[in-house]
Amino acid sequence: MSQGRTLNVDMPITVKTYDIDFMGIVSNISYIRWMEDLRLKFLEVHYSLQKLMADMIVPILNHTQIDYKKPIRIHDEVIGSIWMEKYDSSGWVANMEFIVNGKTAAAGAQGGVFINIATMKRSDPPEGIKKKYEDALQC
């Protein structure tokens, strides 16, 4: 785990031809899709979507923010990182970063709440992932 990045997950990202605009630069919308890919990778590593569905509690996105620092191009090797900034009964915030050649090309955050599928009402996070987050904070 990276220093100060609770439950950090890194993932290589391949820039596809459909990610670039007419200037040869990755389109803004691709970063949003990459953020979704990172959130799914985070769940795969720490608490699977299948477990969440079995718990009848799912994360709902209600906020996305991203700062573009430098352009990413078709042949750049990109590493995406995601880590949890906050994870409690009021909701969650995940920070994300996209690195090219050791430098931050973009950084952002997404936040949300948990919803009980049966009631469609707000819920506390599942105990399994909540405990994992709290344990990681104490390390």
Foldseek 3Di string as FASTA:
>chain_A
DDPPFFLKDKDKDAADPVQADPVQWGDPVVVVVVVVVQVQVSCVPQPHPVNCVVVQKDWDWDDKDKDFDATDGNPFTKMKMKGWPDAWQVWTKIKMFIDTPRDTRMIIMIITFMARNVVRDTDIDDPRRVVSRVVSVVD
